[in-house]
Amino acid sequence: MTHEKNGNETGYVVWMTGLSGAGKTTIALILEDKLKERDQKVERLDGDVVRESLTRDLGFTAEDRRKNIERVTFVAKLLSRNGVGTICSFISPYQSVRDHVRENTTNFLEVYIDAPLDVVIERDVKGLYKKALAGEIPNFTGISDPFEAPDNPDIHVRTDLNSPDECVGQILSELERLGYIPVGEKA
């Protein structure tokens, strides 16, 4: 979709994709705080939270993952076209699904939150990778289900090489460069 403004507010979607444990939620929370400090209208949609409410009826098959993102896309579309900055943090492992989100939302930015598999396994506070590697969790992205890394993301951050604040800084700089948010003070 095109660059759209609603009064003084520009709606956009910051779509964070990456493996479980890559840092999507951590970065989304910091980004949300930084945008609110700048008095920006912003909403955050997180994979774990959405699955507890809007999509609790869905599992983790390829079809259910597509339905999950389809519902989130609808919400992001409404928010972004109405001048709300929308931060979405979802594994969203399929490029075709992310392309669909891009086509159906306002000012979409695909942000690849990247960390190598061995790093996310090491960070795994929930023990999900251990269970997936033992065959206890079917359809686990990065283990028994594929993750299609973005070929050409709008923003690519490496959470194994940069701090969360540095990663957020990259995202804020791009939002400023595109004119989606006013330029803030540099730290």
Protein backbone atom coordinates (compact mmCIF):
# COMPACT_ATOMS: atom_id res chain seq x y z
CA MET A 1 0.00 0.00 0.00
CA THR A 2 1.02 3.61 -0.29
CA HIS A 3 2.36 6.12 2.20
CA GLU A 4 -0.83 7.37 3.86
CA LYS A 5 -1.38 10.02 6.50
CA ASN A 6 -4.37 10.52 8.75
CA GLY A 7 -4.19 14.13 9.92
CA ASN A 8 -0.76 14.50 11.53
CA GLU A 9 -0.35 10.78 12.08
CA THR A 10 1.24 8.35 9.66
CA GLY A 11 0.19 4.75 10.07
CA TYR A 12 2.73 2.01 9.48
CA VAL A 13 3.40 -1.62 10.29
CA VAL A 14 6.74 -2.75 11.70
CA TRP A 15 6.58 -6.51 11.06
CA MET A 16 9.19 -8.40 13.06
CA THR A 17 9.94 -11.91 11.83
CA GLY A 18 12.49 -14.37 13.17
CA LEU A 19 12.98 -17.60 15.03
CA SER A 20 11.60 -18.16 18.51
CA GLY A 21 14.11 -16.63 20.92
CA ALA A 22 15.65 -14.25 18.38
CA GLY A 23 14.48 -11.21 20.37
CA LYS A 24 11.30 -10.07 18.62
CA THR A 25 9.29 -9.40 21.78
CA THR A 26 12.20 -7.75 23.59
CA ILE A 27 12.82 -5.38 20.70
CA ALA A 28 9.09 -4.74 20.19
CA LEU A 29 8.65 -3.76 23.85
CA ILE A 30 11.57 -1.31 23.75
CA LEU A 31 10.42 0.13 20.41
CA GLU A 32 6.90 0.59 21.78
CA ASP A 33 8.28 2.46 24.82
CA LYS A 34 10.52 4.70 22.67
CA LEU A 35 7.63 5.60 20.37
CA LYS A 36 5.31 6.35 23.31
CA GLU A 37 8.04 8.59 24.79
CA ARG A 38 7.76 10.55 21.53
CA ASP A 39 3.95 10.79 21.94
CA GLN A 40 3.31 8.52 18.95
CA LYS A 41 0.11 6.51 18.59
CA VAL A 42 1.30 2.91 18.67
CA GLU A 43 -0.10 -0.56 19.29
CA ARG A 44 1.87 -3.77 19.74
CA LEU A 45 0.62 -7.15 18.54
CA ASP A 46 2.69 -10.05 19.89
CA GLY A 47 2.50 -13.66 18.77
CA ASP A 48 2.15 -15.17 22.25
CA VAL A 49 -0.47 -12.62 23.35
CA VAL A 50 -2.52 -12.93 20.15
CA ARG A 51 -2.53 -16.72 20.44
CA GLU A 52 -4.05 -16.40 23.93
CA SER A 53 -7.00 -14.39 22.60
CA LEU A 54 -7.66 -13.65 18.92
CA THR A 55 -6.32 -16.95 17.58
CA ARG A 56 -6.51 -19.36 20.51
CA ASP A 57 -8.49 -21.77 18.33
CA LEU A 58 -5.53 -22.28 15.98
CA GLY A 59 -2.63 -24.71 16.19
CA PHE A 60 0.75 -24.65 14.48
CA THR A 61 0.16 -26.43 11.19
CA ALA A 62 1.08 -24.48 8.07
CA GLU A 63 -2.60 -23.73 7.44
CA ASP A 64 -3.22 -22.58 11.04
CA ARG A 65 -0.10 -20.38 10.90
CA ARG A 66 -1.47 -18.75 7.74
CA LYS A 67 -4.88 -18.18 9.40
CA ASN A 68 -3.16 -16.71 12.46
CA ILE A 69 -1.29 -14.16 10.36
CA GLU A 70 -4.37 -13.48 8.23
CA ARG A 71 -6.29 -12.38 11.35
CA VAL A 72 -3.38 -10.30 12.61
CA THR A 73 -3.06 -8.70 9.16
CA PHE A 74 -6.67 -7.59 9.35
CA VAL A 75 -6.07 -5.88 12.71
CA ALA A 76 -2.78 -4.31 11.50
CA LYS A 77 -4.54 -3.09 8.35
CA LEU A 78 -7.23 -1.31 10.38
CA LEU A 79 -4.73 0.26 12.76
CA SER A 80 -2.20 1.36 10.15
CA ARG A 81 -4.72 2.89 7.77
CA ASN A 82 -6.08 4.90 10.70
CA GLY A 83 -2.76 6.51 11.56
CA VAL A 84 -1.55 4.08 14.23
CA GLY A 85 1.99 2.75 14.27
CA THR A 86 1.61 -1.01 14.61
CA ILE A 87 4.41 -3.21 15.90
CA CYS A 88 3.89 -6.88 15.08
CA SER A 89 6.20 -9.58 16.45
CA PHE A 90 5.45 -12.96 14.92
CA ILE A 91 7.67 -15.82 13.82
CA SER A 92 5.72 -15.73 10.52
CA PRO A 93 8.00 -18.29 8.88
CA TYR A 94 6.68 -18.12 5.30
CA GLN A 95 7.71 -15.38 2.87
CA SER A 96 4.44 -15.64 0.93
CA VAL A 97 2.49 -14.84 4.10
CA ARG A 98 4.73 -11.85 4.90
CA ASP A 99 4.31 -10.64 1.30
CA HIS A 100 0.51 -10.84 1.80
CA VAL A 101 0.81 -8.67 4.92
CA ARG A 102 2.91 -6.14 2.95
CA GLU A 103 0.27 -5.95 0.22
CA ASN A 104 -2.59 -5.45 2.68
CA THR A 105 -1.25 -2.96 5.20
CA THR A 106 -0.12 0.66 5.13
CA ASN A 107 3.60 1.50 5.11
CA PHE A 108 4.84 -2.03 5.81
CA LEU A 109 8.40 -2.59 7.03
CA GLU A 110 9.67 -6.15 7.21
CA VAL A 111 12.21 -6.38 10.03
CA TYR A 112 14.27 -9.56 10.22
CA ILE A 113 15.19 -10.17 13.84
CA ASP A 114 18.09 -12.52 13.26
CA ALA A 115 20.13 -14.76 15.54
CA PRO A 116 21.73 -18.09 14.60
CA LEU A 117 19.94 -21.29 15.60
CA ASP A 118 22.60 -22.24 18.17
CA VAL A 119 22.16 -18.83 19.85
CA VAL A 120 18.36 -19.06 20.08
CA ILE A 121 18.65 -22.62 21.41
CA GLU A 122 21.04 -21.34 24.08
CA ARG A 123 18.64 -18.48 24.98
CA ASP A 124 15.61 -20.80 25.18
CA VAL A 125 14.16 -19.94 28.59
CA LYS A 126 10.93 -21.88 27.91
CA GLY A 127 12.72 -25.12 26.98
CA LEU A 128 10.84 -25.32 23.67
CA TYR A 129 13.85 -26.10 21.49
CA LYS A 130 14.91 -28.92 23.82
CA LYS A 131 11.43 -30.43 23.54
CA ALA A 132 11.32 -29.88 19.76
CA LEU A 133 14.74 -31.49 19.29
CA ALA A 134 13.50 -34.47 21.34
CA GLY A 135 10.48 -34.77 19.03
CA GLU A 136 8.01 -33.71 21.73
CA ILE A 137 6.76 -30.62 19.85
CA PRO A 138 5.67 -31.16 16.24
CA ASN A 139 5.78 -28.40 13.61
CA PHE A 140 8.38 -26.38 15.51
CA THR A 141 9.84 -23.62 13.33
CA GLY A 142 13.55 -24.00 12.73
CA ILE A 143 13.60 -27.63 13.87
CA SER A 144 10.85 -29.73 12.28
CA ASP A 145 9.21 -26.93 10.27
CA PRO A 146 10.96 -24.49 7.93
CA PHE A 147 11.72 -20.84 8.51
CA GLU A 148 12.06 -18.88 5.29
CA ALA A 149 14.44 -16.08 6.17
CA PRO A 150 13.63 -12.86 4.30
CA ASP A 151 15.76 -12.44 1.17
CA ASN A 152 15.50 -8.68 1.20
CA PRO A 153 14.06 -7.34 4.47
CA ASP A 154 13.57 -3.61 4.89
CA ILE A 155 15.63 -3.82 8.09
CA HIS A 156 17.93 -6.66 9.20
CA VAL A 157 19.10 -6.69 12.81
CA ARG A 158 21.42 -9.25 14.38
CA THR A 159 20.59 -9.72 18.05
CA ASP A 160 23.66 -11.88 18.60
CA LEU A 161 25.93 -8.99 17.50
CA ASN A 162 24.00 -5.93 18.72
CA SER A 163 22.21 -4.94 21.92
CA PRO A 164 18.43 -4.61 21.93
CA ASP A 165 18.79 -0.81 22.14
CA GLU A 166 21.09 -0.78 19.10
CA CYS A 167 18.56 -2.88 17.17
CA VAL A 168 15.74 -0.52 18.15
CA GLY A 169 17.92 2.41 17.07
CA GLN A 170 18.16 0.92 13.58
CA ILE A 171 14.38 0.63 13.37
CA LEU A 172 13.75 4.15 14.69
CA SER A 173 16.26 5.58 12.20
CA GLU A 174 14.46 3.93 9.31
CA LEU A 175 11.04 5.10 10.54
CA GLU A 176 12.47 8.64 10.72
CA ARG A 177 14.14 8.38 7.31
CA LEU A 178 10.85 7.33 5.73
CA GLY A 179 8.98 10.16 7.45
CA TYR A 180 6.68 7.84 9.39
CA ILE A 181 7.75 9.41 12.68
CA PRO A 182 9.34 12.80 13.44
CA VAL A 183 13.10 12.85 13.88
CA GLY A 184 13.91 12.49 17.57
CA GLU A 185 16.86 13.60 19.61
CA LYS A 186 19.96 11.49 19.17
CA ALA A 187 21.29 9.91 22.34
